[in-house]
Protein backbone atom coordinates (compact mmCIF):
# COMPACT_ATOMS: atom_id res chain seq x y z
CA MET A 1 -17.83 -0.41 18.48
CA LYS A 2 -14.91 -0.07 16.06
CA LEU A 3 -15.45 1.97 13.03
CA ARG A 4 -13.16 -0.22 11.11
CA LEU A 5 -11.01 -3.36 11.13
CA ARG A 6 -7.76 -1.68 12.09
CA ILE A 7 -4.82 -3.37 10.55
CA VAL A 8 -1.43 -2.20 11.75
CA VAL A 9 1.22 -1.89 9.07
CA GLY A 10 4.38 -2.29 11.22
CA LEU A 11 8.02 -3.28 10.84
CA ALA A 12 10.23 -5.22 13.21
CA LEU A 13 11.56 -3.03 15.81
CA GLY A 14 15.08 -1.80 15.19
CA LEU A 15 16.86 -1.68 11.91
CA LEU A 16 16.34 -4.60 9.49
CA MET A 17 19.39 -5.19 7.42
CA VAL A 18 19.34 -6.34 3.67
CA SER A 19 22.11 -6.79 1.14
CA CYS A 20 22.12 -4.20 -1.51
CA LYS A 21 24.42 -2.97 -4.16
CA THR A 22 25.47 0.39 -2.76
CA ASP A 23 26.24 2.04 0.61
CA GLU A 24 25.30 5.71 0.60
CA THR A 25 24.18 8.22 3.13
CA ASN A 26 21.74 10.94 2.49
CA ASP A 27 22.89 14.76 2.77
CA SER A 28 19.48 16.22 4.13
CA ASN A 29 20.68 19.61 3.33
CA LYS A 30 20.19 19.01 -0.15
CA ILE A 31 16.59 17.60 0.11
CA ALA A 32 13.77 19.94 -0.93
CA PHE A 33 10.14 19.20 -0.65
CA GLN A 34 7.91 20.77 -3.36
CA LYS A 35 4.25 21.14 -2.32
CA ILE A 36 2.04 20.01 -5.16
CA SER A 37 -1.31 20.34 -3.42
CA ASN A 38 -2.70 19.95 0.03
CA MET A 39 -1.26 16.58 1.40
CA LEU A 40 0.87 15.99 -1.67
CA TYR A 41 4.53 16.69 -1.92
CA GLU A 42 7.49 15.76 -4.41
CA VAL A 43 11.13 15.24 -3.61
CA THR A 44 14.19 13.95 -5.27
CA TYR A 45 16.99 11.72 -3.63
CA ASP A 46 20.28 11.24 -5.19
CA ASN A 47 21.86 9.56 -2.23
CA TYR A 48 20.07 7.43 0.57
CA SER A 49 21.05 4.50 2.70
CA SER A 50 21.46 1.33 0.99
CA GLU A 51 20.15 -0.51 3.94
CA PRO A 52 16.57 -0.50 5.22
CA VAL A 53 16.05 2.22 7.79
CA GLY A 54 12.88 2.45 9.94
CA THR A 55 11.04 1.23 13.01
CA TYR A 56 7.54 0.08 13.77
CA GLU A 57 6.80 3.44 15.31
CA GLU A 58 8.09 5.50 12.45
CA ILE A 59 6.43 3.72 9.49
CA ASN A 60 3.21 2.26 11.02
CA GLY A 61 -0.11 2.94 10.00
CA GLU A 62 -3.43 1.29 9.23
CA MET A 63 -4.51 0.51 5.63
CA ALA A 64 -6.83 -1.59 3.49
CA CYS A 65 -5.71 -1.26 -0.19
CA SER A 66 -6.64 -2.27 -3.72
CA SER A 67 -4.31 -3.06 -6.73
CA VAL A 68 -4.94 -4.31 -10.29
CA ARG A 69 -2.73 -4.65 -13.63
CA ASN A 70 -4.27 -4.69 -16.87
CA GLY A 71 -2.15 -4.43 -20.10
CA ASN A 72 0.08 -1.25 -19.79
CA TYR A 73 -1.43 -0.15 -16.56
CA HIS A 74 -1.06 -0.93 -12.92
CA GLY A 75 -3.48 0.78 -10.48
CA ARG A 76 -3.16 1.01 -6.69
CA ASN A 77 -5.37 2.65 -3.96
CA PHE A 78 -3.86 3.26 -0.55
CA ASP A 79 -6.79 3.45 2.01
CA PHE A 80 -6.10 5.07 5.24
CA PHE A 81 -7.40 7.56 7.73
CA MET A 82 -8.55 10.82 5.98
CA ASN A 83 -5.93 13.07 7.48
CA GLN A 84 -3.16 11.45 9.26
CA SER A 85 -0.25 11.50 6.62
CA SER A 86 0.56 13.30 3.58
CA SER A 87 1.71 11.50 0.54
CA ILE A 88 5.23 12.14 -0.78
CA VAL A 89 6.15 11.27 -4.44
CA ILE A 90 9.77 10.22 -4.41
CA HIS A 91 12.27 10.36 -7.27
CA THR A 92 15.62 8.44 -6.84
CA THR A 93 18.31 9.00 -9.30
CA ALA A 94 20.14 6.12 -11.04
CA LYS A 95 23.66 4.93 -10.12
CA PRO A 96 25.89 2.44 -11.64
CA ASN A 97 24.34 -0.29 -9.36
CA ARG A 98 20.91 1.12 -8.77
CA TYR A 99 17.97 1.78 -10.92
CA ALA A 100 16.12 5.22 -11.01
CA THR A 101 12.67 5.00 -9.36
CA ILE A 102 9.56 7.06 -8.71
CA GLY A 103 6.76 6.14 -6.42
CA VAL A 104 4.68 7.12 -3.32
CA ALA A 105 5.76 7.01 0.25
CA ARG A 106 4.55 8.07 3.62
CA LEU A 107 5.63 8.17 7.13
CA ALA A 108 3.56 7.87 10.23
CA LYS A 109 1.52 11.00 11.22
CA VAL A 110 3.73 13.26 9.18
CA ASN A 111 1.50 15.80 7.67
CA ASP A 112 1.80 19.06 5.82
CA GLU A 113 2.62 21.27 8.84
CA MET A 114 5.52 19.09 9.53
CA ILE A 115 6.91 18.94 6.09
CA ASN A 116 6.60 22.69 5.86
CA SER A 117 8.36 23.19 9.14
CA GLY A 118 11.09 20.91 8.26
CA LEU A 119 11.28 17.18 8.76
CA THR A 120 14.21 15.76 10.98
CA ASP A 121 17.24 14.12 9.78
CA ARG A 122 16.06 10.91 10.84
CA GLN A 123 12.80 11.15 8.96
CA ILE A 124 14.42 12.17 5.84
CA GLN A 125 16.85 9.15 5.93
CA ILE A 126 13.78 6.89 6.46
CA LEU A 127 11.68 8.33 3.66
CA PRO A 128 13.21 6.39 0.58
CA TRP A 129 12.47 3.18 2.47
CA ALA A 130 8.76 4.16 3.40
CA MET A 131 7.57 3.51 -0.29
CA VAL A 132 4.18 2.01 -0.65
CA ASP A 133 4.16 1.77 -4.35
CA GLY A 134 6.65 2.69 -7.09
CA ILE A 135 8.24 1.89 -10.52
CA ASN A 136 11.83 1.82 -11.81
CA GLU A 137 13.33 2.83 -14.94
CA LYS A 138 12.97 -0.81 -16.29
CA GLY A 139 9.24 -0.75 -16.04
CA LEU A 140 9.13 -2.97 -12.62
CA VAL A 141 6.20 -1.91 -10.43
CA VAL A 142 5.77 -3.08 -6.82
CA ASN A 143 3.12 -2.21 -4.21
CA ALA A 144 2.10 -3.90 -0.96
CA ASN A 145 -1.24 -4.40 0.50
CA VAL A 146 -2.30 -5.52 4.01
CA VAL A 147 -3.43 -9.27 4.49
CA ALA A 148 -4.37 -11.29 7.36
CA LYS A 149 -1.84 -13.99 8.04
CA SER A 150 -2.68 -17.30 6.56
CA ASP A 151 -2.40 -19.20 9.92
CA GLU A 152 -4.33 -16.41 11.76
CA GLY A 153 -1.23 -15.79 13.89
CA THR A 154 -0.75 -19.34 15.31
CA ILE A 155 2.48 -20.09 13.62
CA PRO A 156 5.68 -18.30 14.93
CA HIS A 157 7.06 -16.50 11.79
CA THR A 158 10.76 -17.05 11.60
CA GLY A 159 11.05 -15.80 8.10
CA THR A 160 11.08 -17.72 4.75
CA LYS A 161 14.75 -18.73 4.58
CA PRO A 162 16.41 -18.79 7.89
CA GLY A 163 20.07 -17.99 7.55
CA ALA A 164 19.91 -16.13 4.41
CA PRO A 165 20.19 -12.27 4.33
CA GLU A 166 17.25 -10.84 6.35
CA LEU A 167 14.64 -8.64 4.52
CA ASN A 168 11.49 -7.28 5.87
CA ILE A 169 8.61 -7.64 3.42
CA PHE A 170 7.84 -4.02 3.77
CA PHE A 171 11.36 -2.97 2.83
CA ALA A 172 11.38 -5.26 -0.02
CA ILE A 173 9.47 -2.67 -2.26
CA ARG A 174 12.40 -0.29 -2.12
CA ALA A 175 14.89 -3.16 -2.43
CA MET A 176 13.37 -4.67 -5.57
CA LEU A 177 12.91 -1.33 -7.32
CA ASP A 178 16.45 -0.45 -6.75
CA ASN A 179 17.90 -3.93 -7.82
CA CYS A 180 15.54 -5.78 -10.31
CA ALA A 181 14.49 -5.28 -13.84
CA THR A 182 11.80 -7.86 -14.12
CA VAL A 183 9.23 -9.93 -12.17
CA GLN A 184 11.43 -13.01 -12.38
CA GLU A 185 14.48 -11.12 -11.24
CA ALA A 186 12.45 -9.88 -8.23
CA LEU A 187 11.19 -13.41 -7.37
CA ASN A 188 14.76 -14.67 -7.46
CA TYR A 189 15.73 -11.58 -5.15
CA LEU A 190 13.03 -12.47 -2.77
CA ASN A 191 13.91 -16.26 -2.74
CA ALA A 192 17.52 -15.30 -1.94
CA HIS A 193 16.65 -13.62 1.16
CA ASN A 194 15.00 -14.57 4.47
CA ILE A 195 11.71 -12.52 4.10
CA THR A 196 10.44 -11.55 7.62
CA PRO A 197 7.00 -10.28 8.48
CA PHE A 198 6.41 -7.03 10.47
CA ALA A 199 5.52 -6.97 13.97
CA SER A 200 1.71 -7.55 13.89
CA GLN A 201 0.83 -11.08 15.05
CA LYS A 202 -2.17 -11.39 12.71
CA THR A 203 -1.46 -9.29 9.64
CA ASN A 204 1.22 -9.00 7.20
CA LEU A 205 1.65 -7.82 3.67
CA HIS A 206 1.45 -9.37 0.28
CA LEU A 207 3.08 -7.95 -2.80
CA MET A 208 1.92 -7.18 -6.30
CA ILE A 209 4.96 -7.21 -8.84
CA SER A 210 4.57 -6.30 -12.50
CA ASP A 211 6.88 -5.67 -15.39
CA THR A 212 6.10 -4.92 -19.02
CA ILE A 213 4.90 -8.41 -19.62
CA GLU A 214 3.77 -10.12 -16.52
CA THR A 215 2.07 -9.82 -13.10
CA TYR A 216 2.68 -11.88 -10.03
CA VAL A 217 1.29 -11.74 -6.43
CA VAL A 218 3.79 -12.81 -3.69
CA GLU A 219 2.50 -14.00 -0.32
CA ILE A 220 4.10 -15.59 2.66
CA ILE A 221 2.04 -18.74 3.62
CA ASN A 222 3.19 -20.87 6.62
CA ASN A 223 6.76 -19.27 6.31
CA ALA A 224 7.12 -20.04 2.67
CA ILE A 225 7.09 -17.62 -0.36
CA VAL A 226 3.93 -18.45 -2.62
CA ALA A 227 4.22 -16.55 -5.95
CA LYS A 228 1.54 -17.02 -8.67
CA PRO A 229 0.49 -14.92 -11.78
CA GLN A 230 -2.40 -12.85 -10.41
CA ILE A 231 -3.79 -9.46 -11.64
CA ILE A 232 -6.06 -8.36 -8.70
CA MET A 233 -5.18 -8.07 -5.14
CA THR A 234 -7.08 -6.51 -2.26
CA ASN A 235 -6.62 -7.65 1.40
CA TYR A 236 -7.00 -11.45 1.53
CA PHE A 237 -4.86 -14.12 0.06
CA VAL A 238 -5.37 -14.85 -3.43
CA ASN A 239 -2.77 -17.64 -3.87
CA MET A 240 -4.81 -19.95 -1.54
CA ASP A 241 -7.48 -22.22 -2.90
CA THR A 242 -10.38 -20.74 -0.84
CA ILE A 243 -11.22 -17.26 0.47
CA PRO A 244 -10.41 -17.01 4.12
CA ASN A 245 -13.29 -16.43 6.46
CA HIS A 246 -11.47 -13.38 7.82
CA ALA A 247 -11.04 -11.88 4.34
CA LEU A 248 -11.12 -8.12 3.96
CA GLY A 249 -11.85 -6.50 0.61
CA VAL A 250 -14.06 -9.25 -1.01
CA GLU A 251 -16.28 -6.66 -2.47
CA ARG A 252 -13.48 -4.46 -3.83
CA TYR A 253 -12.09 -7.60 -5.37
CA LYS A 254 -15.38 -8.39 -7.17
CA ILE A 255 -15.91 -4.75 -8.44
CA LEU A 256 -12.50 -4.76 -9.95
CA SER A 257 -12.92 -8.13 -11.61
CA GLU A 258 -16.44 -7.12 -13.09
CA HIS A 259 -15.05 -3.87 -14.44
CA TYR A 260 -11.46 -5.28 -15.23
CA ALA A 261 -11.68 -4.34 -18.92
CA GLU A 262 -11.91 -0.68 -18.23
CA GLY A 263 -8.60 -0.58 -16.61
CA GLY A 264 -6.70 -1.73 -19.77
CA THR A 265 -7.80 1.05 -22.10
CA SER A 266 -5.77 3.93 -20.87
CA MET A 267 -4.58 5.80 -17.93
CA GLU A 268 -7.86 7.37 -17.60
CA GLY A 269 -9.57 4.02 -17.83
CA MET A 270 -7.38 2.63 -14.88
CA TRP A 271 -8.05 5.64 -12.79
CA ASN A 272 -11.73 5.23 -13.24
CA LEU A 273 -11.44 1.62 -12.38
CA MET A 274 -9.60 2.54 -9.22
CA LYS A 275 -12.26 5.10 -8.53
CA ARG A 276 -15.00 2.50 -8.37
CA VAL A 277 -13.37 0.94 -5.38
CA ARG A 278 -12.51 4.37 -3.38
CA TYR A 279 -12.72 3.51 0.38
CA SER A 280 -15.39 6.00 1.13
CA GLU A 281 -17.78 3.84 -0.72
CA SER A 282 -17.65 1.29 2.10
CA TYR A 283 -19.54 3.59 4.35
CA TYR A 284 -22.86 3.43 2.12
CA ALA A 285 -25.22 0.95 3.24
CA LYS A 286 -26.52 0.31 -0.32
CA ASN A 287 -23.08 -1.12 -1.46
CA LYS A 288 -23.24 -3.81 1.34
CA TRP A 289 -19.37 -4.03 1.59
CA TYR A 290 -19.64 -6.55 4.54
CA SER A 291 -16.22 -7.57 4.61
CA GLU A 292 -14.89 -4.24 5.47
CA ILE A 293 -16.47 -4.38 8.85
CA ALA A 294 -17.12 -8.20 9.34
CA ALA A 295 -13.47 -9.43 8.71
CA SER A 296 -12.19 -11.08 12.02
CA HIS A 297 -10.12 -13.79 13.29
CA ASP A 298 -12.69 -14.26 15.89
CA ILE A 299 -16.01 -14.75 13.91
CA ASN A 300 -16.85 -16.62 10.86
CA TYR A 301 -19.60 -14.20 9.87
CA LYS A 302 -20.70 -16.46 6.88
CA ASP A 303 -21.92 -19.18 9.25
CA ILE A 304 -23.74 -16.91 11.70
CA PRO A 305 -27.43 -16.93 10.98
CA LEU A 306 -28.89 -13.46 10.55
CA TYR A 307 -25.48 -11.98 10.96
CA TYR A 308 -25.96 -10.06 7.71
CA ASP A 309 -29.05 -8.33 9.33
CA THR A 310 -26.72 -7.11 12.03
CA LEU A 311 -24.11 -5.83 9.55
CA ASP A 312 -26.72 -4.06 7.57
CA LYS A 313 -27.63 -2.03 10.72
CA ILE A 314 -23.91 -1.26 11.18
CA LEU A 315 -23.60 -0.05 7.68
CA GLU A 316 -26.73 2.08 8.08
CA GLU A 317 -25.16 3.58 11.29
CA TYR A 318 -21.86 4.18 9.43
CA GLU A 319 -23.56 5.96 6.57
CA SER A 320 -25.34 8.36 8.86
CA LYS A 321 -22.21 9.24 10.56
CA TRP A 322 -20.08 9.44 7.31
CA ILE A 323 -22.55 11.95 5.91
CA ALA A 324 -22.33 14.14 9.07
CA GLU A 325 -18.49 13.78 8.83
CA LYS A 326 -18.69 15.02 5.11
CA GLU A 327 -20.89 17.99 6.16
CA TYR A 328 -18.30 18.90 8.88
CA ILE A 329 -15.38 18.76 6.53
CA LEU A 330 -17.08 20.81 3.90
CA ASN A 331 -17.66 23.68 6.55
CA ASN A 332 -14.51 23.27 8.48
CA GLY A 333 -11.96 21.11 6.73
CA LEU A 334 -10.25 18.00 7.90
CA ARG A 335 -10.03 17.54 11.74
CA THR A 336 -6.96 15.86 13.27
CA ASP A 337 -8.69 13.26 15.13
CA THR A 338 -11.16 11.95 12.52
CA PRO A 339 -11.89 8.15 12.70
CA TRP A 340 -13.04 8.13 9.15
CA TRP A 341 -11.08 6.49 6.08
CA ASN A 342 -10.90 7.38 2.40
CA THR A 343 -8.40 6.50 -0.39
CA SER A 344 -5.61 8.62 0.91
CA SER A 345 -3.66 8.12 -2.43
CA ASN A 346 -4.55 6.64 -5.59
CA SER A 347 -1.65 5.88 -8.00
CA VAL A 348 -1.83 4.77 -11.59
CA TYR A 349 1.11 3.72 -13.59
CA ASP A 350 1.85 3.82 -17.24
CA ILE A 351 4.51 0.99 -17.36
CA LYS A 352 5.86 1.65 -20.81
CA ASN A 353 6.21 5.32 -20.57
CA LYS A 354 7.13 5.48 -16.80
CA ILE A 355 4.33 8.03 -15.93
CA LEU A 356 2.55 8.14 -12.57
CA TRP A 357 -0.73 9.69 -11.74
CA VAL A 358 -1.55 10.57 -8.34
CA THR A 359 -4.83 11.56 -6.47
CA VAL A 360 -4.74 12.36 -3.01
CA HIS A 361 -7.96 11.97 -0.56
CA GLU A 362 -10.54 11.34 -3.29
CA GLN A 363 -10.03 14.65 -4.92
CA TYR A 364 -10.78 13.29 -8.16
CA ASP A 365 -10.98 16.59 -9.87
CA GLN A 366 -7.27 16.63 -9.43
CA LYS A 367 -5.05 14.21 -11.10
CA HIS A 368 -1.16 15.10 -10.73
CA GLU A 369 1.14 13.76 -13.22
CA PHE A 370 4.78 12.64 -12.44
CA ARG A 371 7.43 11.26 -14.87
CA LEU A 372 10.38 8.98 -14.05
């Protein structure tokens, strides 16, 4: 039995083009990675490709994320395998036609050992386009979470505006941070492009976009961009009238809603709010986070009599195995083939002051601060 609903974050094979303002190439000899802690690095880019770079194999992964905006603070958890990839905080410098940015990126199965021994020129070229969340100098914050496609994979996804310049939804994070100062500019930017999904037939991404004033969630529903003011996003469509049967992250959404006020008090408040939905909590039977194991296109678990009894037994089994895994890690450290997840990175943004806090792998005794 699978330990987790595995959602593949992929990108269309080959290079996906997008119209941007500059055309630069990176000099890999000038890139220097600074190790901040285990599985966390920092790097600055002055020049990088103005066109999206990356393929499915190079920027793929599996994730189940949470994000929320309250007042001056934007929080985001990136949930993933406990040890597959290191988090990399990327600074990019301002240019005449490009805003300065800071945010978190990752590459598929690139860990500390690979970074320490030296990334390839190709990996260094891809990295600025592998952003999962970030903020720019104007206070625009963007992050992406996985979501099951609204049509459950039954409708061919040609993009939102055939004939317009093509932009994959994952690459839209970097493109908007580079080019847009406000949420409304970001929405106009997306509407001017043919936004395409990544390779998965059943999953896509949705975007949370914040500026100093407002927050929208952008979703692709039946090949159309649907953008609405929303302040919480996990892993199901929030711009639909009903919660889909295959929704993932229902319990995390509820927790973020119930404790929402906490996130607007301070950076510490938002950090504590995101800590409430750290992914390791899904393994404890008492929490009854059913959607993390029941979300599926194949079963409507809400309509199956006694199905929750089955899920309770699965959660109890998970808890036992999770406790054993934690004991192993305590004595031996992370192993390379662990099937278990946690919150691989937690990002909290102070929008006004352009400050980023990052915590990796639920090491909540360590908050690392970065500034734009």
